[in-house]
């Protein structure tokens, strides 16, 4: 380990499952909203001082039903996700493409592999193959810890997993704790600097 309310809308998934979607939120399923808020705040700070340009990807949806409770207002009451999303965030930092997924974990012992979907693993692998920087941010809610996991480590575990979850101690062995400040609650670019841009040389996937 390194030390360094809105109205609800019914959203239909391709498999027929339905879920309530908060119109005023930005995440597809309403999960990980606190982590998302903290990352967005950090990204706003990076943008404000011209450190990096990194944004949350919009979630593509098809609007099915719209109600008009008032002549001057429209309310989306039903929508479908068009396609599976790739990852949560992307952008550019120091001339390098950045792409990452962010997840919250409520367990004290393990992170469910089902939280990362196969198409997201394929996407992260593609980013690495094309020379970008890819990683996963996981917040362990019970420990109030936010971990940076290099995409290659997550991909390797996913491809060779003999279990359905990743134990907490694996994160301690392979991850990097992300520091937090008032204006940057998830200051993940400090980890990117250490792994990818510090002197001493690194490979394209950040390994010494």
Protein backbone atom coordinates (compact mmCIF):
# COMPACT_ATOMS: atom_id res chain seq x y z
CA UNK A 1 0.00 0.00 0.00
CA UNK A 2 1.18 3.50 -0.81
CA UNK A 3 0.72 6.24 1.77
CA UNK A 4 0.67 9.27 0.22
CA UNK A 5 -35.02 15.85 -4.48
CA UNK A 6 -36.29 15.77 -7.12
CA UNK A 7 -39.20 14.11 -8.91
CA UNK A 8 -38.73 10.41 -9.69
CA UNK A 9 -38.82 8.96 -13.20
CA UNK A 10 -39.31 5.31 -14.15
CA UNK A 11 -36.33 4.11 -16.16
CA UNK A 12 -36.49 0.83 -18.08
CA UNK A 13 -33.38 -1.30 -18.56
CA UNK A 14 -32.88 -3.54 -21.63
CA UNK A 15 -33.48 -6.67 -19.52
CA UNK A 16 -36.93 -5.43 -18.51
CA UNK A 17 -35.96 -4.33 -15.01
CA UNK A 18 -37.41 -1.00 -13.94
CA UNK A 19 -35.87 1.47 -11.56
CA UNK A 20 -36.83 4.83 -10.13
CA UNK A 21 -34.52 7.55 -11.42
CA UNK A 22 -34.13 10.91 -9.71
CA UNK A 23 -34.32 13.53 -12.44
CA UNK A 24 -32.14 16.03 -10.63
CA UNK A 25 -29.28 13.62 -10.03
CA UNK A 26 -26.55 12.81 -12.52
CA UNK A 27 -25.92 9.11 -11.90
CA UNK A 28 -27.84 6.43 -13.76
CA UNK A 29 -28.99 4.45 -10.78
CA UNK A 30 -28.63 6.92 -7.94
CA UNK A 31 -25.81 4.83 -6.46
CA UNK A 32 -22.57 6.32 -5.23
CA UNK A 33 -23.97 9.84 -5.15
CA UNK A 34 -21.74 11.07 -2.32
CA UNK A 35 -18.62 9.79 -4.05
CA UNK A 36 -19.86 11.27 -7.31
CA UNK A 37 -20.44 14.63 -5.63
CA UNK A 38 -16.93 14.60 -4.15
CA UNK A 39 -15.32 13.68 -7.48
CA UNK A 40 -17.31 16.35 -9.30
CA UNK A 41 -16.19 18.92 -6.72
CA UNK A 42 -12.57 17.86 -7.21
CA UNK A 43 -12.95 18.05 -10.99
CA UNK A 44 -14.42 21.56 -10.68
CA UNK A 45 -11.34 22.58 -8.72
CA UNK A 46 -9.01 21.05 -11.33
CA UNK A 47 -10.88 22.94 -14.04
CA UNK A 48 -10.95 26.22 -12.10
CA UNK A 49 -7.17 26.39 -11.72
CA UNK A 50 -6.52 24.90 -15.18
CA UNK A 51 -4.98 21.72 -13.79
CA UNK A 52 -7.04 19.32 -15.92
CA UNK A 53 -10.23 19.01 -17.93
CA UNK A 54 -12.13 15.97 -16.65
CA UNK A 55 -15.92 15.58 -16.64
CA UNK A 56 -18.58 13.02 -15.86
CA UNK A 57 -19.89 11.35 -18.98
CA UNK A 58 -23.57 11.95 -19.72
CA UNK A 59 -25.86 8.92 -19.53
CA UNK A 60 -27.65 8.41 -22.89
CA UNK A 61 -31.41 7.88 -22.48
CA UNK A 62 -34.43 7.63 -24.77
CA UNK A 63 -37.43 9.57 -23.52
CA UNK A 64 -40.64 7.55 -23.77
CA UNK A 65 -43.27 9.50 -21.90
CA UNK A 66 -43.57 13.18 -21.00
CA UNK A 67 -46.31 14.78 -18.92
CA UNK A 68 -47.19 18.45 -19.00
CA UNK A 69 -48.55 19.37 -15.55
CA UNK A 70 -48.32 23.01 -16.59
CA UNK A 71 -48.29 24.69 -19.98
CA UNK A 72 -44.80 26.06 -19.27
CA UNK A 73 -43.30 22.89 -17.75
CA UNK A 74 -42.61 19.35 -18.93
CA UNK A 75 -41.98 16.33 -16.69
CA UNK A 76 -40.24 13.18 -17.98
CA UNK A 77 -42.08 10.21 -16.47
CA UNK A 78 -40.55 7.26 -18.36
CA UNK A 79 -37.25 6.73 -20.15
CA UNK A 80 -34.91 3.96 -21.35
CA UNK A 81 -31.14 3.76 -21.13
CA UNK A 82 -30.08 3.56 -24.79
CA UNK A 83 -26.89 1.52 -24.40
CA UNK A 84 -24.74 0.23 -21.52
CA UNK A 85 -22.51 3.03 -20.29
CA UNK A 86 -18.74 2.65 -20.47
CA UNK A 87 -17.15 4.37 -17.47
CA UNK A 88 -18.06 7.37 -15.37
CA UNK A 89 -15.41 9.98 -16.16
CA UNK A 90 -12.96 11.00 -18.85
CA UNK A 91 -10.81 13.94 -19.84
CA UNK A 92 -7.24 15.09 -20.33
CA UNK A 93 -4.37 15.79 -17.93
CA UNK A 94 -0.80 16.78 -18.85
CA UNK A 95 -1.45 15.70 -22.42
CA UNK A 96 -2.69 12.22 -21.47
CA UNK A 97 -6.21 10.85 -21.88
CA UNK A 98 -7.78 9.97 -18.51
CA UNK A 99 -10.64 7.49 -18.10
CA UNK A 100 -12.01 5.96 -14.90
CA UNK A 101 -14.92 4.32 -13.13
CA UNK A 102 -16.07 5.24 -9.60
CA UNK A 103 -17.90 2.93 -7.18
CA UNK A 104 -19.02 2.92 -3.57
CA UNK A 105 -18.83 -0.23 -1.45
CA UNK A 106 -21.08 -0.65 1.59
CA UNK A 107 -19.49 -3.90 2.78
CA UNK A 108 -16.74 -4.09 5.39
CA UNK A 109 -15.11 -7.20 3.92
CA UNK A 110 -15.36 -7.36 0.14
CA UNK A 111 -16.18 -5.47 -3.06
CA UNK A 112 -18.70 -7.33 -5.28
CA UNK A 113 -17.33 -8.06 -8.75
CA UNK A 114 -20.81 -7.50 -10.18
CA UNK A 115 -20.27 -3.80 -9.44
CA UNK A 116 -17.89 -3.70 -12.41
CA UNK A 117 -19.49 -4.89 -15.64
CA UNK A 118 -17.65 -6.84 -18.37
CA UNK A 119 -18.15 -4.08 -20.93
CA UNK A 120 -16.49 -1.63 -18.52
CA UNK A 121 -13.53 -3.96 -18.10
CA UNK A 122 -13.21 -4.20 -21.90
CA UNK A 123 -13.38 -0.42 -22.16
CA UNK A 124 -10.67 0.13 -19.55
CA UNK A 125 -8.47 -2.42 -21.31
CA UNK A 126 -8.97 -0.59 -24.62
CA UNK A 127 -7.95 2.71 -23.04
CA UNK A 128 -4.73 1.12 -21.78
CA UNK A 129 -3.96 -0.46 -25.15
CA UNK A 130 -4.26 2.95 -26.80
CA UNK A 131 -1.89 4.60 -24.34
CA UNK A 132 -4.37 6.29 -22.01
CA UNK A 133 -4.44 6.32 -18.22
CA UNK A 134 -7.25 4.20 -16.78
CA UNK A 135 -8.19 3.33 -13.22
CA UNK A 136 -11.02 2.61 -10.80
CA UNK A 137 -11.89 4.64 -7.71
CA UNK A 138 -13.61 2.70 -4.93
CA UNK A 139 -14.91 4.25 -1.73
CA UNK A 140 -15.31 1.92 1.24
CA UNK A 141 -18.13 3.70 3.04
CA UNK A 142 -17.73 1.91 6.37
CA UNK A 143 -14.05 2.85 6.60
CA UNK A 144 -14.40 6.29 5.00
CA UNK A 145 -11.55 5.36 2.66
CA UNK A 146 -11.27 6.09 -1.05
CA UNK A 147 -8.91 3.86 -3.02
CA UNK A 148 -7.20 4.30 -6.38
CA UNK A 149 -6.85 1.01 -8.29
CA UNK A 150 -4.91 0.88 -11.53
CA UNK A 151 -7.03 -0.53 -14.33
CA UNK A 152 -4.55 -3.32 -15.11
CA UNK A 153 -4.82 -4.68 -11.56
CA UNK A 154 -8.61 -4.62 -11.69
CA UNK A 155 -8.65 -6.24 -15.14
CA UNK A 156 -6.28 -9.00 -14.05
CA UNK A 157 -8.37 -9.79 -10.99
CA UNK A 158 -11.58 -9.74 -13.04
CA UNK A 159 -10.15 -12.06 -15.72
CA UNK A 160 -8.70 -14.56 -13.24
CA UNK A 161 -11.23 -14.36 -10.43
CA UNK A 162 -12.11 -17.55 -8.61
CA UNK A 163 -14.56 -15.72 -6.37
CA UNK A 164 -17.39 -13.22 -6.76
CA UNK A 165 -15.84 -10.40 -4.77
CA UNK A 166 -12.54 -8.67 -4.08
CA UNK A 167 -11.47 -8.79 -0.41
CA UNK A 168 -10.70 -5.57 1.41
CA UNK A 169 -7.09 -6.59 2.04
CA UNK A 170 -6.54 -6.84 -1.74
CA UNK A 171 -7.19 -3.10 -1.93
CA UNK A 172 -4.64 -2.56 0.82
CA UNK A 173 -2.08 -4.56 -1.15
CA UNK A 174 -2.76 -3.18 -4.63
CA UNK A 175 -4.40 0.18 -4.09
CA UNK A 176 -3.41 3.70 -3.16
CA UNK A 177 -5.37 5.74 -0.62
CA UNK A 178 -6.53 8.96 -2.21
CA UNK A 179 -5.94 12.10 -0.12
CA UNK A 180 -8.76 14.52 0.59
CA UNK A 181 -8.85 18.28 1.09
CA UNK A 182 -11.73 20.68 1.59
CA UNK A 183 -11.83 21.76 -2.06
CA UNK A 184 -10.68 18.40 -3.46
CA UNK A 185 -12.41 15.64 -1.45
CA UNK A 186 -11.03 13.05 -3.90
CA UNK A 187 -7.68 14.41 -5.04
CA UNK A 188 -6.94 11.51 -7.36
CA UNK A 189 -4.58 13.46 -9.62
CA UNK A 190 -1.99 13.37 -6.82
CA UNK A 191 -1.95 9.60 -7.30
CA UNK A 192 -1.83 9.95 -11.09
CA UNK A 193 1.20 12.22 -10.68
CA UNK A 194 2.97 9.70 -8.45
CA UNK A 195 2.26 6.67 -10.64
CA UNK A 196 2.53 8.15 -14.12
CA UNK A 197 4.48 11.42 -14.10
CA UNK A 198 7.04 11.33 -11.27
CA UNK A 199 10.70 11.06 -12.23
CA UNK A 200 12.14 7.57 -12.27
CA UNK A 201 10.24 6.26 -15.26
CA UNK A 202 7.00 4.36 -15.62
CA UNK A 203 5.44 2.22 -18.26
CA UNK A 204 2.26 3.21 -20.08
CA UNK A 205 0.14 1.53 -17.41
CA UNK A 206 1.92 3.25 -14.54
CA UNK A 207 4.11 0.37 -13.38
CA UNK A 208 7.71 0.92 -12.30
